[in-house]
N, C-alpha and C. Protein backbone atom coordinates (compact mmCIF):
# COMPACT_ATOMS: atom_id res chain seq x y z
N MET A 1 104.67 97.56 110.77
CA MET A 1 105.09 97.91 112.19
C MET A 1 104.51 96.21 112.76
N SER A 2 105.89 95.79 113.68
CA SER A 2 104.69 94.71 114.12
C SER A 2 103.65 94.50 115.66
N GLY A 3 103.14 94.11 116.21
CA GLY A 3 102.08 94.43 117.64
C GLY A 3 103.19 94.93 118.61
N THR A 4 104.42 94.46 118.89
CA THR A 4 105.75 94.67 119.93
C THR A 4 105.98 96.32 119.96
N GLU A 5 106.11 96.05 118.64
CA GLU A 5 106.23 97.83 118.34
C GLU A 5 105.93 98.86 118.18
N ILE A 6 104.03 98.35 117.90
CA ILE A 6 103.28 99.33 117.99
C ILE A 6 102.87 99.56 119.97
N ASN A 7 103.20 98.24 120.38
CA ASN A 7 102.91 98.89 122.07
C ASN A 7 103.78 99.89 122.66
N GLN A 8 105.37 99.80 122.16
CA GLN A 8 106.43 100.08 122.41
C GLN A 8 105.84 101.67 122.49
N VAL A 9 105.84 102.07 120.87
CA VAL A 9 105.32 103.56 120.98
C VAL A 9 104.77 103.99 121.33
N LEU A 10 103.39 102.99 122.04
CA LEU A 10 102.47 104.04 122.58
C LEU A 10 102.45 104.03 124.33
N ALA A 11 103.54 103.28 124.56
CA ALA A 11 103.76 102.95 126.18
C ALA A 11 104.93 103.95 126.45
N GLN A 12 105.41 104.89 125.32
CA GLN A 12 106.35 106.07 125.54
C GLN A 12 105.12 106.75 124.85
N MET A 13 104.67 107.22 124.36
CA MET A 13 103.15 108.01 124.30
C MET A 13 102.40 108.69 125.85
N ARG A 14 102.37 107.17 126.16
CA ARG A 14 101.74 107.56 128.12
C ARG A 14 102.28 108.29 128.53
N ALA A 15 104.01 107.70 128.47
CA ALA A 15 105.11 108.20 129.17
C ALA A 15 104.68 109.81 129.03
N MET A 16 105.02 110.52 128.45
CA MET A 16 104.80 111.52 127.51
C MET A 16 103.81 112.89 127.87
N ALA A 17 102.43 112.20 127.89
CA ALA A 17 101.46 112.25 128.86
C ALA A 17 101.57 112.12 130.42
N ALA A 18 101.92 111.02 130.49
CA ALA A 18 101.07 111.35 131.64
C ALA A 18 102.74 112.75 132.92
N VAL A 19 103.67 112.59 131.99
CA VAL A 19 105.00 114.15 132.34
C VAL A 19 104.37 114.52 132.21
N ALA A 20 103.90 115.68 130.61
CA ALA A 20 103.31 116.47 130.09
C ALA A 20 101.72 117.82 131.32
N ASP A 21 101.26 115.95 131.91
CA ASP A 21 100.29 117.02 133.15
C ASP A 21 100.61 116.92 134.22
N GLY A 22 102.24 116.84 134.17
CA GLY A 22 102.81 117.08 135.83
C GLY A 22 102.59 115.36 136.65
N ASN A 23 103.07 114.57 136.02
CA ASN A 23 102.21 113.01 137.55
C ASN A 23 102.96 112.25 137.01
N ASN A 24 104.51 112.90 136.36
CA ASN A 24 105.14 111.59 136.51
C ASN A 24 106.85 112.47 136.25
N LYS A 25 107.86 112.29 136.45
CA LYS A 25 108.80 112.99 135.90
C LYS A 25 109.61 112.57 134.87
N PRO A 26 110.16 113.47 134.04
CA PRO A 26 110.70 112.93 132.93
C PRO A 26 111.56 111.81 133.70
N PRO A 27 111.79 110.26 132.48
CA PRO A 27 112.41 109.42 132.52
C PRO A 27 113.80 109.95 132.50
N ALA A 28 114.94 109.00 132.60
CA ALA A 28 116.40 108.93 131.97
C ALA A 28 116.88 108.75 131.01
N ALA A 29 117.47 110.03 130.18
CA ALA A 29 117.58 109.06 128.53
C ALA A 29 118.36 107.76 128.57
N ALA A 30 117.51 107.41 127.71
CA ALA A 30 118.12 106.14 127.09
C ALA A 30 118.18 105.27 128.00
N GLN A 31 117.26 105.40 128.65
CA GLN A 31 117.75 103.60 129.89
C GLN A 31 117.10 102.89 128.86
N PRO A 32 118.35 101.57 129.76
CA PRO A 32 118.46 100.42 129.63
C PRO A 32 117.15 99.77 129.26
N GLY A 33 116.71 99.01 128.04
CA GLY A 33 115.24 98.28 127.44
C GLY A 33 114.23 98.82 127.32
N GLN A 34 114.16 100.39 126.87
CA GLN A 34 114.01 100.89 126.13
C GLN A 34 113.88 101.93 124.87
N VAL A 35 113.53 101.60 123.80
CA VAL A 35 113.73 102.21 122.66
C VAL A 35 113.90 103.45 121.68
N ASP A 36 114.74 104.03 121.35
CA ASP A 36 114.65 105.25 121.11
C ASP A 36 113.75 105.59 120.10
N PHE A 37 112.76 106.66 119.82
CA PHE A 37 111.71 106.25 119.46
C PHE A 37 111.66 106.79 117.75
N GLY A 38 112.30 108.31 117.50
CA GLY A 38 113.07 108.58 117.15
C GLY A 38 114.05 107.37 115.80
N LYS A 39 114.83 106.17 116.10
CA LYS A 39 115.29 104.94 115.73
C LYS A 39 113.97 103.80 115.06
N LEU A 40 113.43 103.57 116.25
CA LEU A 40 111.78 103.04 115.52
C LEU A 40 111.59 103.51 114.87
N LEU A 41 111.30 104.89 114.51
CA LEU A 41 111.10 105.34 113.41
C LEU A 41 111.46 104.67 111.92
N ALA A 42 112.54 104.71 112.15
CA ALA A 42 113.53 105.54 111.30
C ALA A 42 113.98 103.54 110.16
N ASP A 43 113.86 102.86 111.57
CA ASP A 43 113.92 101.24 111.33
C ASP A 43 112.54 101.45 110.35
N SER A 44 111.16 101.22 110.38
CA SER A 44 109.86 101.32 109.94
C SER A 44 110.10 101.67 108.62
N ILE A 45 110.98 102.88 108.14
CA ILE A 45 110.60 103.61 107.03
C ILE A 45 111.08 102.56 106.39
N ASN A 46 112.48 102.70 106.60
CA ASN A 46 113.54 101.64 105.93
C ASN A 46 112.86 100.73 105.73
N GLN A 47 112.25 99.53 106.50
CA GLN A 47 111.71 98.29 106.08
C GLN A 47 111.17 98.55 105.33
N VAL A 48 110.23 99.59 105.24
CA VAL A 48 109.19 99.65 104.43
C VAL A 48 109.26 99.99 102.81
N ASN A 49 110.62 100.91 102.74
CA ASN A 49 111.47 100.45 101.61
C ASN A 49 112.31 99.50 100.98
N GLU A 50 112.72 99.14 101.53
CA GLU A 50 113.61 97.90 101.66
C GLU A 50 112.32 96.89 100.89
N ALA A 51 111.25 96.24 101.42
CA ALA A 51 110.02 96.11 100.97
C ALA A 51 109.87 96.66 99.39
N GLN A 52 108.93 98.03 99.60
CA GLN A 52 109.37 98.31 97.49
C GLN A 52 110.19 98.07 97.25
N LYS A 53 111.51 98.20 97.11
CA LYS A 53 112.69 97.80 96.58
C LYS A 53 112.09 96.76 96.01
N HIS A 54 111.87 95.71 96.83
CA HIS A 54 112.30 93.69 96.70
C HIS A 54 110.72 93.83 95.71
N ALA A 55 109.75 94.10 96.17
CA ALA A 55 108.87 93.79 95.54
C ALA A 55 109.42 94.56 93.57
N GLY A 56 109.62 95.15 93.59
CA GLY A 56 109.80 96.47 91.73
C GLY A 56 111.14 95.76 90.95
N ASN A 57 112.14 95.13 92.18
CA ASN A 57 112.59 93.87 91.65
C ASN A 57 112.26 92.92 91.13
N LEU A 58 111.05 92.48 91.97
CA LEU A 58 110.60 90.78 91.30
C LEU A 58 109.56 91.47 90.15
N ALA A 59 109.37 93.02 90.58
CA ALA A 59 108.29 92.48 88.68
C ALA A 59 109.27 92.81 88.16
N THR A 60 109.72 94.36 88.46
CA THR A 60 111.13 93.94 87.44
C THR A 60 111.69 92.69 85.99
N SER A 61 111.89 91.11 87.07
CA SER A 61 112.07 90.59 86.65
C SER A 61 111.30 89.49 85.84
N PHE A 62 110.30 89.77 86.14
CA PHE A 62 108.96 88.89 85.56
C PHE A 62 109.09 89.95 84.10
N GLU A 63 109.27 91.23 84.93
CA GLU A 63 108.79 91.33 83.36
C GLU A 63 109.85 91.50 81.59
N GLN A 64 110.49 91.01 82.55
CA GLN A 64 111.84 90.91 81.12
C GLN A 64 111.73 89.31 80.81
N GLY A 65 111.28 88.35 81.83
CA GLY A 65 110.81 86.95 81.31
C GLY A 65 111.19 86.62 81.98
N ASN A 66 111.82 86.46 82.91
CA ASN A 66 112.96 85.39 84.31
C ASN A 66 112.41 84.57 84.53
N THR A 67 112.57 83.61 84.09
CA THR A 67 112.18 82.04 84.74
C THR A 67 112.31 82.08 86.04
N GLN A 68 112.56 82.90 86.94
CA GLN A 68 112.80 82.46 89.16
C GLN A 68 111.81 83.57 88.92
N ALA A 69 111.29 84.75 88.16
CA ALA A 69 109.90 85.31 88.77
C ALA A 69 108.87 85.16 88.88
N ASP A 70 108.13 84.21 89.27
CA ASP A 70 106.76 84.00 89.73
C ASP A 70 106.21 85.09 89.90
N LEU A 71 104.73 84.70 89.26
CA LEU A 71 103.12 85.97 89.44
C LEU A 71 103.54 86.18 90.59
N GLY A 72 102.98 84.75 91.05
CA GLY A 72 102.58 85.19 92.49
C GLY A 72 103.23 85.15 93.57
N GLN A 73 104.39 85.33 93.70
CA GLN A 73 105.19 85.91 94.22
C GLN A 73 105.67 87.51 94.19
N VAL A 74 104.96 87.86 93.11
CA VAL A 74 105.24 89.30 92.32
C VAL A 74 104.22 90.00 93.35
N MET A 75 102.94 89.54 93.07
CA MET A 75 101.68 89.79 92.99
C MET A 75 101.97 90.37 94.87
N ILE A 76 102.63 88.94 95.68
CA ILE A 76 101.92 88.81 96.56
C ILE A 76 103.21 90.03 97.17
N ALA A 77 104.73 90.05 96.99
CA ALA A 77 105.04 91.52 97.17
C ALA A 77 104.93 92.83 97.03
N LEU A 78 104.25 93.12 95.57
CA LEU A 78 103.60 94.45 95.73
C LEU A 78 102.47 94.20 96.46
N GLN A 79 101.24 93.64 96.56
CA GLN A 79 100.77 93.42 98.25
C GLN A 79 101.38 93.96 98.91
N LYS A 80 102.34 94.00 100.04
CA LYS A 80 102.98 93.82 101.57
C LYS A 80 103.77 95.16 101.42
N ALA A 81 104.19 95.34 99.34
CA ALA A 81 104.35 96.69 99.21
C ALA A 81 103.53 98.07 99.63
N SER A 82 102.54 97.30 99.04
CA SER A 82 101.53 98.17 98.72
C SER A 82 101.27 98.39 100.73
N LEU A 83 100.61 97.20 101.61
CA LEU A 83 99.89 97.88 102.86
C LEU A 83 101.29 97.92 103.62
N SER A 84 101.85 97.95 103.88
CA SER A 84 103.24 98.03 104.50
C SER A 84 103.44 99.99 104.00
N PHE A 85 103.74 100.41 102.79
CA PHE A 85 103.07 101.71 102.41
C PHE A 85 102.23 102.44 103.30
N GLU A 86 101.40 101.52 103.23
CA GLU A 86 99.68 102.99 103.96
C GLU A 86 99.73 102.25 105.23
N ALA A 87 100.16 101.34 106.17
CA ALA A 87 100.42 101.29 107.00
C ALA A 87 100.75 102.32 107.59
N MET A 88 102.09 103.11 106.53
CA MET A 88 103.07 103.87 106.92
C MET A 88 102.20 104.77 107.09
N THR A 89 101.83 105.37 106.37
CA THR A 89 101.05 106.94 105.92
C THR A 89 100.22 107.28 107.28
N GLN A 90 99.67 105.63 107.11
CA GLN A 90 98.48 106.12 109.00
C GLN A 90 99.11 105.69 109.81
N VAL A 91 100.43 105.95 109.93
CA VAL A 91 101.09 106.25 111.11
C VAL A 91 101.75 107.66 110.74
N ARG A 92 101.16 107.91 110.43
CA ARG A 92 102.91 109.54 110.01
C ARG A 92 101.17 110.66 109.72
N ASN A 93 100.40 109.53 109.16
CA ASN A 93 98.75 111.43 109.45
C ASN A 93 98.61 110.95 111.15
N LYS A 94 98.29 110.01 112.20
CA LYS A 94 98.23 109.59 113.52
C LYS A 94 99.00 111.07 114.44
N LEU A 95 101.18 110.36 113.78
CA LEU A 95 101.68 111.99 114.39
C LEU A 95 101.41 113.47 114.45
N VAL A 96 101.37 113.28 113.00
CA VAL A 96 100.48 114.87 112.38
C VAL A 96 99.61 115.77 113.38
N SER A 97 99.00 114.47 113.64
CA SER A 97 97.98 114.72 114.01
C SER A 97 98.07 115.19 115.67
N ALA A 98 98.70 113.89 116.59
CA ALA A 98 99.08 115.22 117.86
C ALA A 98 100.06 115.74 117.62
N TYR A 99 101.02 115.70 116.93
CA TYR A 99 102.28 117.52 116.42
C TYR A 99 100.59 117.96 117.21
N GLN A 100 99.80 118.09 116.03
CA GLN A 100 99.34 119.75 115.53
C GLN A 100 98.04 119.44 117.67
N GLU A 101 97.65 118.58 117.94
CA GLU A 101 97.16 118.62 119.23
C GLU A 101 97.95 119.14 120.13
N ILE A 102 99.05 118.53 120.21
CA ILE A 102 100.07 119.45 121.27
C ILE A 102 100.04 120.89 121.16
N MET A 103 100.21 120.71 119.87
CA MET A 103 100.54 122.55 120.06
C MET A 103 99.47 123.21 119.72
N ASN A 104 98.53 123.02 119.86
CA ASN A 104 96.57 123.94 119.78
C ASN A 104 97.10 123.87 121.74
N MET A 105 97.00 122.91 122.74
CA MET A 105 96.89 122.66 123.73
C MET A 105 97.44 124.50 124.20
N GLN A 106 96.71 124.91 125.11
CA GLN A 106 96.97 125.84 126.26
C GLN A 106 97.60 125.22 127.45
N ILE A 107 99.40 126.21 127.53
CA ILE A 107 99.69 126.49 128.86
C ILE A 107 100.00 126.98 129.81
């Protein structure tokens, strides 16, 4: 996830918190310039999936003796896939934690 995507998610979470506190009226659905959180999350998961597939394909090519598959490229692709998966896992953990915190709030 890039820095701008994270900032957009944080801005959306702040807006939702402000609405929950009663400081703001809820924003209209799908205003121009706003990103749908569900779509952003799905796109991020798909990017991680593609990185995993690419790394797996490179590793398989290298294992089969393909001369075009360089060990350095394979290792870099595997590390990128691993880091992106770890980042996605951390985001999931934060979202679950936020959801649990919201569910435990008194109304």
